[in-house]
């Protein structure tokens, strides 16, 4: 019989408390702050999944998964529902987090309301895409977040 996975109550809310909408914060910092602010929850995760610094196969440590990966997966959940944005998955200590490609730099999305979102596909001319790409780099914002913001502004101004 498989071991029961730990249930961390309000994990998504706890992670949101560690982020803000002004600055991007690395996954490494989010994990370290989670460890400090919620030590009991962290102990549950370590007991189930082990620490990424441990050798895979020893104790609770699994190959390709650890407590840090669990936190990264929850950050990805928040990104999927539009509550946070991911800037990139570069410039993090790959020696510390060798098994996770989900480690990145995060911040709370500008509009993280609980209102249901509808996905829309937009086709842009290449010249417009290049311009949007340049603006997104200047603002340190993902292209999709910038396009969403621009479309929302345009649509709401016409609806009002």
N, C-alpha and C. Protein backbone atom coordinates (compact mmCIF):
# COMPACT_ATOMS: atom_id res chain seq x y z
N UNK A 1 0.84 -1.18 0.00
CA UNK A 1 0.00 0.00 0.00
C UNK A 1 0.89 1.25 0.00
N UNK A 2 0.60 2.18 -0.88
CA UNK A 2 1.42 3.38 -1.02
C UNK A 2 1.26 4.29 0.19
N UNK A 3 2.35 4.98 0.52
CA UNK A 3 2.31 5.92 1.65
C UNK A 3 1.41 7.10 1.30
N UNK A 4 0.71 7.56 2.32
CA UNK A 4 -0.21 8.68 2.11
C UNK A 4 0.60 9.97 1.96
N UNK A 5 0.25 10.75 0.96
CA UNK A 5 0.93 12.01 0.70
C UNK A 5 0.52 13.04 1.76
N UNK A 6 1.42 13.94 2.14
CA UNK A 6 1.06 14.93 3.14
C UNK A 6 0.07 15.95 2.57
N UNK A 7 -0.81 16.40 3.43
CA UNK A 7 -1.74 17.45 3.04
C UNK A 7 -1.29 18.73 3.71
N UNK A 8 -0.90 19.69 2.93
CA UNK A 8 -0.50 20.99 3.46
C UNK A 8 -1.69 21.91 3.26
N UNK A 9 -2.33 22.26 4.35
CA UNK A 9 -3.52 23.10 4.26
C UNK A 9 -3.17 24.48 3.73
N UNK A 10 -4.01 24.97 2.83
CA UNK A 10 -3.90 26.32 2.27
C UNK A 10 -2.51 26.57 1.63
N UNK A 11 -1.95 25.54 1.00
CA UNK A 11 -0.60 25.69 0.43
C UNK A 11 -0.53 26.83 -0.57
N UNK A 12 -1.54 26.96 -1.43
CA UNK A 12 -1.51 28.01 -2.44
C UNK A 12 -1.58 29.39 -1.80
N UNK A 13 -2.42 29.54 -0.79
CA UNK A 13 -2.52 30.83 -0.10
C UNK A 13 -1.22 31.17 0.62
N UNK A 14 -0.59 30.16 1.22
CA UNK A 14 0.68 30.39 1.92
C UNK A 14 1.76 30.85 0.94
N UNK A 15 1.79 30.25 -0.24
CA UNK A 15 2.78 30.65 -1.24
C UNK A 15 2.49 32.06 -1.75
N UNK A 16 1.22 32.38 -1.94
CA UNK A 16 0.87 33.74 -2.37
C UNK A 16 1.31 34.78 -1.35
N UNK A 17 1.24 34.44 -0.06
CA UNK A 17 1.67 35.37 0.99
C UNK A 17 3.16 35.68 0.90
N UNK A 18 3.93 34.78 0.31
CA UNK A 18 5.38 34.98 0.20
C UNK A 18 5.77 35.82 -1.01
N UNK A 19 4.83 36.05 -1.93
CA UNK A 19 5.10 36.81 -3.15
C UNK A 19 4.44 38.17 -3.08
N UNK A 20 4.86 39.07 -3.96
CA UNK A 20 4.17 40.35 -4.10
C UNK A 20 4.06 40.69 -5.57
N UNK A 21 3.32 41.75 -5.88
CA UNK A 21 3.10 42.10 -7.28
C UNK A 21 4.13 43.09 -7.81
N UNK A 22 5.05 43.52 -6.97
CA UNK A 22 6.05 44.52 -7.38
C UNK A 22 7.33 43.87 -7.92
N UNK A 23 7.84 42.89 -7.21
CA UNK A 23 9.14 42.32 -7.53
C UNK A 23 9.04 40.83 -7.81
N UNK A 24 9.88 40.37 -8.73
CA UNK A 24 9.98 38.94 -8.97
C UNK A 24 10.84 38.33 -7.87
N UNK A 25 10.48 37.13 -7.46
CA UNK A 25 11.22 36.43 -6.41
C UNK A 25 11.55 35.04 -6.92
N UNK A 26 12.79 34.61 -6.73
CA UNK A 26 13.20 33.30 -7.23
C UNK A 26 12.53 32.19 -6.43
N UNK A 27 12.39 31.04 -7.08
CA UNK A 27 11.84 29.86 -6.40
C UNK A 27 12.66 29.52 -5.17
N UNK A 28 13.96 29.69 -5.30
CA UNK A 28 14.86 29.39 -4.19
C UNK A 28 14.51 30.23 -2.97
N UNK A 29 14.28 31.53 -3.18
CA UNK A 29 13.89 32.41 -2.07
C UNK A 29 12.52 32.06 -1.52
N UNK A 30 11.58 31.74 -2.42
CA UNK A 30 10.23 31.36 -1.97
C UNK A 30 10.32 30.12 -1.08
N UNK A 31 11.11 29.14 -1.51
CA UNK A 31 11.25 27.90 -0.74
C UNK A 31 11.92 28.17 0.60
N UNK A 32 12.98 28.97 0.61
CA UNK A 32 13.65 29.30 1.87
C UNK A 32 12.72 30.05 2.82
N UNK A 33 11.92 30.98 2.29
CA UNK A 33 10.98 31.71 3.14
C UNK A 33 9.86 30.80 3.63
N UNK A 34 9.41 29.87 2.80
CA UNK A 34 8.39 28.91 3.22
C UNK A 34 8.93 28.08 4.38
N UNK A 35 10.17 27.62 4.25
CA UNK A 35 10.82 26.83 5.30
C UNK A 35 10.85 27.60 6.61
N UNK A 36 11.18 28.90 6.56
CA UNK A 36 11.26 29.71 7.78
C UNK A 36 9.89 30.04 8.36
N UNK A 37 8.93 30.36 7.51
CA UNK A 37 7.62 30.79 7.99
C UNK A 37 6.72 29.63 8.40
N UNK A 38 6.86 28.50 7.73
CA UNK A 38 5.99 27.35 8.00
C UNK A 38 6.83 26.10 8.28
N UNK A 39 7.57 26.07 9.38
CA UNK A 39 8.48 24.93 9.64
C UNK A 39 7.76 23.59 9.81
N UNK A 40 6.56 23.60 10.38
CA UNK A 40 5.83 22.33 10.55
C UNK A 40 5.42 21.73 9.21
N UNK A 41 4.95 22.60 8.31
CA UNK A 41 4.59 22.13 6.96
C UNK A 41 5.84 21.62 6.24
N UNK A 42 6.95 22.32 6.40
CA UNK A 42 8.19 21.92 5.75
C UNK A 42 8.63 20.55 6.25
N UNK A 43 8.50 20.30 7.56
CA UNK A 43 8.88 19.00 8.12
C UNK A 43 8.04 17.88 7.51
N UNK A 44 6.75 18.13 7.30
CA UNK A 44 5.88 17.14 6.66
C UNK A 44 6.38 16.81 5.25
N UNK A 45 6.73 17.86 4.50
CA UNK A 45 7.20 17.65 3.12
C UNK A 45 8.52 16.89 3.10
N UNK A 46 9.44 17.26 3.98
CA UNK A 46 10.74 16.58 4.04
C UNK A 46 10.55 15.11 4.42
N UNK A 47 9.64 14.85 5.37
CA UNK A 47 9.40 13.46 5.78
C UNK A 47 8.86 12.62 4.63
N UNK A 48 8.06 13.24 3.76
CA UNK A 48 7.46 12.49 2.65
C UNK A 48 8.37 12.42 1.42
N UNK A 49 8.97 13.56 1.05
CA UNK A 49 9.70 13.65 -0.22
C UNK A 49 11.22 13.78 -0.07
N UNK A 50 11.70 14.15 1.09
CA UNK A 50 13.12 14.37 1.27
C UNK A 50 13.56 15.74 0.77
N UNK A 51 14.80 16.08 1.06
CA UNK A 51 15.38 17.37 0.67
C UNK A 51 16.18 17.19 -0.61
N UNK A 52 16.19 18.20 -1.47
CA UNK A 52 16.93 18.08 -2.73
C UNK A 52 18.43 17.97 -2.50
N UNK A 53 18.91 18.36 -1.32
CA UNK A 53 20.33 18.24 -1.01
C UNK A 53 20.72 16.82 -0.61
N UNK A 54 19.73 16.00 -0.25
CA UNK A 54 19.99 14.61 0.11
C UNK A 54 20.27 13.78 -1.14
N UNK A 55 20.92 12.65 -0.95
CA UNK A 55 21.18 11.73 -2.05
C UNK A 55 19.90 10.99 -2.40
N UNK A 56 19.52 10.97 -3.69
CA UNK A 56 18.31 10.23 -4.08
C UNK A 56 18.38 8.77 -3.64
N UNK A 57 17.28 8.29 -3.09
CA UNK A 57 17.22 6.92 -2.62
C UNK A 57 17.48 6.76 -1.14
N UNK A 58 18.08 7.76 -0.50
CA UNK A 58 18.35 7.69 0.94
C UNK A 58 17.20 8.35 1.69
N UNK A 59 16.68 7.63 2.68
CA UNK A 59 15.57 8.17 3.46
C UNK A 59 14.34 8.37 2.58
N UNK A 60 13.72 9.51 2.72
CA UNK A 60 12.51 9.80 1.95
C UNK A 60 12.83 10.38 0.57
N UNK A 61 14.10 10.70 0.32
CA UNK A 61 14.48 11.36 -0.94
C UNK A 61 14.26 10.43 -2.12
N UNK A 62 13.51 10.93 -3.10
CA UNK A 62 13.23 10.16 -4.31
C UNK A 62 14.08 10.69 -5.46
N UNK A 63 14.34 9.84 -6.45
CA UNK A 63 14.99 10.38 -7.65
C UNK A 63 14.02 11.33 -8.36
N UNK A 64 14.50 12.45 -8.77
CA UNK A 64 13.75 13.42 -9.57
C UNK A 64 12.60 14.10 -8.83
N UNK A 65 12.50 13.96 -7.52
CA UNK A 65 11.45 14.67 -6.79
C UNK A 65 11.89 14.88 -5.35
N UNK A 66 11.51 16.03 -4.80
CA UNK A 66 11.85 16.37 -3.42
C UNK A 66 10.82 17.37 -2.90
N UNK A 67 10.98 17.78 -1.66
CA UNK A 67 10.07 18.78 -1.07
C UNK A 67 10.13 20.08 -1.88
N UNK A 68 11.32 20.43 -2.38
CA UNK A 68 11.47 21.64 -3.18
C UNK A 68 10.68 21.53 -4.48
N UNK A 69 10.67 20.35 -5.07
CA UNK A 69 9.89 20.13 -6.29
C UNK A 69 8.40 20.26 -6.01
N UNK A 70 7.98 19.81 -4.82
CA UNK A 70 6.57 19.93 -4.43
C UNK A 70 6.16 21.40 -4.41
N UNK A 71 7.00 22.25 -3.81
CA UNK A 71 6.71 23.69 -3.76
C UNK A 71 6.69 24.25 -5.18
N UNK A 72 7.64 23.86 -6.01
CA UNK A 72 7.68 24.33 -7.40
C UNK A 72 6.42 23.93 -8.16
N UNK A 73 5.95 22.72 -7.93
CA UNK A 73 4.71 22.27 -8.58
C UNK A 73 3.54 23.15 -8.16
N UNK A 74 3.48 23.53 -6.88
CA UNK A 74 2.39 24.39 -6.41
C UNK A 74 2.50 25.79 -7.01
N UNK A 75 3.72 26.28 -7.20
CA UNK A 75 3.89 27.57 -7.88
C UNK A 75 3.39 27.47 -9.32
N UNK A 76 3.67 26.34 -9.97
CA UNK A 76 3.17 26.14 -11.34
C UNK A 76 1.65 26.08 -11.36
N UNK A 77 1.04 25.48 -10.34
CA UNK A 77 -0.43 25.48 -10.24
C UNK A 77 -0.96 26.91 -10.22
N UNK A 78 -0.32 27.76 -9.41
CA UNK A 78 -0.75 29.15 -9.30
C UNK A 78 -0.57 29.89 -10.62
N UNK A 79 0.47 29.53 -11.37
CA UNK A 79 0.68 30.15 -12.68
C UNK A 79 -0.42 29.72 -13.64
N UNK A 80 -0.77 28.44 -13.62
CA UNK A 80 -1.80 27.92 -14.53
C UNK A 80 -3.15 28.60 -14.33
N UNK A 81 -3.47 28.97 -13.09
CA UNK A 81 -4.76 29.61 -12.85
C UNK A 81 -4.65 31.13 -12.89
N UNK A 82 -3.48 31.65 -13.26
CA UNK A 82 -3.33 33.07 -13.51
C UNK A 82 -3.10 33.95 -12.29
N UNK A 83 -2.76 33.35 -11.15
CA UNK A 83 -2.54 34.16 -9.95
C UNK A 83 -1.13 34.71 -9.86
N UNK A 84 -0.17 34.02 -10.47
CA UNK A 84 1.21 34.52 -10.48
C UNK A 84 1.76 34.42 -11.89
N UNK A 85 2.82 35.17 -12.14
CA UNK A 85 3.47 35.12 -13.45
C UNK A 85 4.90 34.61 -13.28
N UNK A 86 5.37 33.92 -14.29
CA UNK A 86 6.72 33.37 -14.33
C UNK A 86 7.54 34.21 -15.29
N UNK A 87 8.65 34.76 -14.82
CA UNK A 87 9.50 35.55 -15.69
C UNK A 87 10.40 34.64 -16.52
N UNK A 88 11.11 33.74 -15.89
CA UNK A 88 12.01 32.85 -16.62
C UNK A 88 12.40 31.68 -15.73
N UNK A 89 13.04 30.72 -16.33
CA UNK A 89 13.57 29.59 -15.56
C UNK A 89 15.08 29.56 -15.67
N UNK A 90 15.67 30.72 -15.80
CA UNK A 90 17.13 30.82 -15.88
C UNK A 90 17.68 31.40 -14.58
N UNK A 91 18.99 31.43 -14.46
CA UNK A 91 19.71 32.09 -13.38
C UNK A 91 19.32 31.60 -11.99
N UNK A 92 19.19 30.32 -11.82
CA UNK A 92 19.04 29.80 -10.47
C UNK A 92 20.10 28.73 -10.26
N UNK A 93 20.38 28.41 -9.04
CA UNK A 93 21.45 27.51 -8.70
C UNK A 93 21.08 26.07 -9.07
N UNK A 94 21.50 25.63 -10.24
CA UNK A 94 21.14 24.29 -10.72
C UNK A 94 21.84 23.19 -9.91
N UNK A 95 22.92 23.52 -9.22
CA UNK A 95 23.54 22.51 -8.36
C UNK A 95 22.67 22.23 -7.14
N UNK A 96 21.95 23.25 -6.67
CA UNK A 96 21.09 23.05 -5.51
C UNK A 96 19.77 22.38 -5.91
N UNK A 97 19.26 22.71 -7.10
CA UNK A 97 17.97 22.18 -7.55
C UNK A 97 18.17 21.42 -8.87
N UNK A 98 18.95 20.36 -8.90
CA UNK A 98 19.28 19.72 -10.17
C UNK A 98 18.13 19.01 -10.85
N UNK A 99 17.08 18.65 -10.13
CA UNK A 99 16.04 17.81 -10.71
C UNK A 99 14.80 18.57 -11.13
N UNK A 100 14.78 19.88 -10.95
CA UNK A 100 13.55 20.61 -11.24
C UNK A 100 13.76 21.64 -12.33
N UNK A 101 13.01 21.50 -13.42
CA UNK A 101 13.05 22.49 -14.48
C UNK A 101 11.99 23.56 -14.22
N UNK A 102 11.29 23.45 -13.10
CA UNK A 102 10.22 24.39 -12.78
C UNK A 102 10.69 25.54 -11.91
N UNK A 103 11.95 25.55 -11.58
CA UNK A 103 12.46 26.62 -10.73
C UNK A 103 12.58 27.87 -11.58
N UNK A 104 12.01 28.95 -11.13
CA UNK A 104 12.03 30.18 -11.90
C UNK A 104 11.97 31.39 -11.01
N UNK A 105 11.48 32.47 -11.58
CA UNK A 105 11.35 33.74 -10.88
C UNK A 105 9.90 34.15 -11.00
N UNK A 106 9.23 34.41 -9.88
CA UNK A 106 7.79 34.57 -9.81
C UNK A 106 7.38 35.89 -9.20
N UNK A 107 6.19 36.35 -9.54
CA UNK A 107 5.55 37.45 -8.82
C UNK A 107 4.04 37.30 -8.98
N UNK A 108 3.30 37.98 -8.11
CA UNK A 108 1.85 37.93 -8.19
C UNK A 108 1.40 38.65 -9.45
N UNK A 109 0.47 38.07 -10.17
CA UNK A 109 -0.06 38.68 -11.39
C UNK A 109 -0.80 39.96 -11.03
N UNK A 110 -0.82 40.90 -11.97
CA UNK A 110 -1.50 42.17 -11.71
C UNK A 110 -2.97 41.97 -11.38
N UNK A 111 -3.62 41.06 -12.09
CA UNK A 111 -5.03 40.78 -11.83
C UNK A 111 -5.14 39.35 -11.35
N UNK A 112 -5.11 39.16 -10.03
CA UNK A 112 -5.20 37.80 -9.50
C UNK A 112 -6.53 37.56 -8.80
N UNK A 113 -7.57 38.18 -9.34
CA UNK A 113 -8.90 37.98 -8.76
C UNK A 113 -9.34 36.54 -9.00
N UNK A 114 -10.33 36.13 -8.26
CA UNK A 114 -10.82 34.76 -8.38
C UNK A 114 -11.85 34.58 -9.49
N UNK A 115 -12.14 35.67 -10.22
CA UNK A 115 -13.10 35.58 -11.31
C UNK A 115 -12.58 34.59 -12.36
N UNK A 116 -13.46 33.76 -12.87
CA UNK A 116 -13.07 32.75 -13.85
C UNK A 116 -12.56 33.43 -15.12
N UNK A 117 -11.47 32.91 -15.65
CA UNK A 117 -10.86 33.44 -16.86
C UNK A 117 -11.18 32.51 -18.03
N UNK A 118 -11.36 33.10 -19.21
CA UNK A 118 -11.60 32.35 -20.43
C UNK A 118 -10.35 32.50 -21.31
N UNK A 119 -9.81 31.39 -21.79
CA UNK A 119 -8.65 31.44 -22.66
C UNK A 119 -9.06 31.83 -24.07
N UNK A 120 -8.27 32.71 -24.68
CA UNK A 120 -8.52 33.17 -26.04
C UNK A 120 -7.21 33.09 -26.81
N UNK A 121 -7.28 32.60 -28.03
CA UNK A 121 -6.10 32.54 -28.89
C UNK A 121 -6.07 33.79 -29.76
N UNK A 122 -4.91 34.43 -29.85
CA UNK A 122 -4.78 35.66 -30.63
C UNK A 122 -3.68 35.45 -31.66
N UNK A 123 -3.97 35.81 -32.91
CA UNK A 123 -2.96 35.75 -33.97
C UNK A 123 -2.45 37.16 -34.21
N UNK A 124 -1.12 37.31 -34.12
CA UNK A 124 -0.50 38.62 -34.31
C UNK A 124 0.41 38.58 -35.53
N UNK A 125 0.46 39.68 -36.28
CA UNK A 125 1.47 39.76 -37.34
C UNK A 125 2.86 39.72 -36.69
N UNK A 126 3.84 39.19 -37.40
CA UNK A 126 5.18 39.05 -36.84
C UNK A 126 5.76 40.38 -36.40
N UNK A 127 5.51 41.45 -37.15
CA UNK A 127 6.05 42.77 -36.78
C UNK A 127 5.48 43.23 -35.44
N UNK A 128 4.20 42.97 -35.20
CA UNK A 128 3.58 43.33 -33.93
C UNK A 128 4.16 42.47 -32.81
N UNK A 129 4.34 41.19 -33.09
CA UNK A 129 4.90 40.29 -32.08
C UNK A 129 6.30 40.73 -31.67
N UNK A 130 7.12 41.14 -32.64
CA UNK A 130 8.48 41.59 -32.34
C UNK A 130 8.44 42.81 -31.43
N UNK A 131 7.55 43.75 -31.73
CA UNK A 131 7.41 44.96 -30.90
C UNK A 131 6.95 44.61 -29.48
N UNK A 132 5.96 43.73 -29.38
CA UNK A 132 5.47 43.30 -28.07
C UNK A 132 6.58 42.58 -27.30
N UNK A 133 7.37 41.79 -27.99
CA UNK A 133 8.48 41.09 -27.36
C UNK A 133 9.49 42.07 -26.77
N UNK A 134 9.79 43.13 -27.51
CA UNK A 134 10.73 44.15 -27.02
C UNK A 134 10.18 44.85 -25.77
N UNK A 135 8.90 45.19 -25.81
CA UNK A 135 8.27 45.85 -24.66
C UNK A 135 8.28 44.92 -23.45
N UNK A 136 8.00 43.64 -23.67
CA UNK A 136 7.96 42.69 -22.55
C UNK A 136 9.33 42.57 -21.89
N UNK A 137 10.39 42.62 -22.68
CA UNK A 137 11.74 42.56 -22.11
C UNK A 137 12.04 43.80 -21.28
N UNK A 138 11.61 44.97 -21.78
CA UNK A 138 11.82 46.22 -21.04
C UNK A 138 11.11 46.19 -19.70
N UNK A 139 9.91 45.63 -19.68
CA UNK A 139 9.10 45.60 -18.45
C UNK A 139 9.37 44.37 -17.59
N UNK A 140 10.23 43.47 -18.04
CA UNK A 140 10.49 42.20 -17.35
C UNK A 140 9.17 41.46 -17.12
N UNK A 141 8.39 41.37 -18.17
CA UNK A 141 7.07 40.76 -18.11
C UNK A 141 6.98 39.74 -19.24
N UNK A 142 6.27 38.65 -19.01
CA UNK A 142 6.15 37.65 -20.07
C UNK A 142 5.32 38.23 -21.22
N UNK A 143 5.55 37.72 -22.41
CA UNK A 143 4.82 38.19 -23.59
C UNK A 143 3.33 37.95 -23.42
N UNK A 144 2.95 36.77 -22.96
CA UNK A 144 1.52 36.48 -22.81
C UNK A 144 0.86 37.40 -21.78
N UNK A 145 1.57 37.70 -20.69
CA UNK A 145 1.00 38.61 -19.68
C UNK A 145 0.84 40.01 -20.25
N UNK A 146 1.81 40.45 -21.05
CA UNK A 146 1.73 41.78 -21.66
C UNK A 146 0.58 41.85 -22.67
N UNK A 147 0.46 40.83 -23.52
CA UNK A 147 -0.63 40.81 -24.50
C UNK A 147 -1.98 40.78 -23.78
N UNK A 148 -2.07 39.97 -22.72
CA UNK A 148 -3.31 39.93 -21.93
C UNK A 148 -3.64 41.31 -21.37
N UNK A 149 -2.65 41.97 -20.82
CA UNK A 149 -2.85 43.30 -20.24
C UNK A 149 -3.31 44.30 -21.30
N UNK A 150 -2.65 44.30 -22.47
CA UNK A 150 -2.99 45.23 -23.55
C UNK A 150 -4.40 44.96 -24.08
N UNK A 151 -4.72 43.69 -24.29
CA UNK A 151 -6.06 43.34 -24.79
C UNK A 151 -7.14 43.71 -23.78
N UNK A 152 -6.87 43.45 -22.52
CA UNK A 152 -7.85 43.77 -21.49
C UNK A 152 -8.11 45.28 -21.43
N UNK A 153 -7.04 46.07 -21.51
CA UNK A 153 -7.19 47.53 -21.52
C UNK A 153 -8.02 47.99 -22.72
N UNK A 154 -7.69 47.44 -23.90
CA UNK A 154 -8.39 47.84 -25.11
C UNK A 154 -9.88 47.45 -25.06
N UNK A 155 -10.14 46.23 -24.65
CA UNK A 155 -11.52 45.75 -24.61
C UNK A 155 -12.34 46.50 -23.57
N UNK A 156 -11.81 46.68 -22.38
CA UNK A 156 -12.57 47.38 -21.33
C UNK A 156 -12.81 48.84 -21.69
N UNK A 157 -11.87 49.47 -22.37
CA UNK A 157 -12.08 50.87 -22.76
C UNK A 157 -13.19 50.99 -23.81
N UNK A 158 -13.32 49.99 -24.66
CA UNK A 158 -14.37 50.02 -25.69
C UNK A 158 -15.73 49.60 -25.14
N UNK A 159 -15.72 48.74 -24.13
CA UNK A 159 -16.98 48.28 -23.55
C UNK A 159 -17.61 49.38 -22.70
N UNK A 160 -16.79 50.16 -22.03
CA UNK A 160 -17.29 51.22 -21.14
C UNK A 160 -17.80 52.35 -21.92
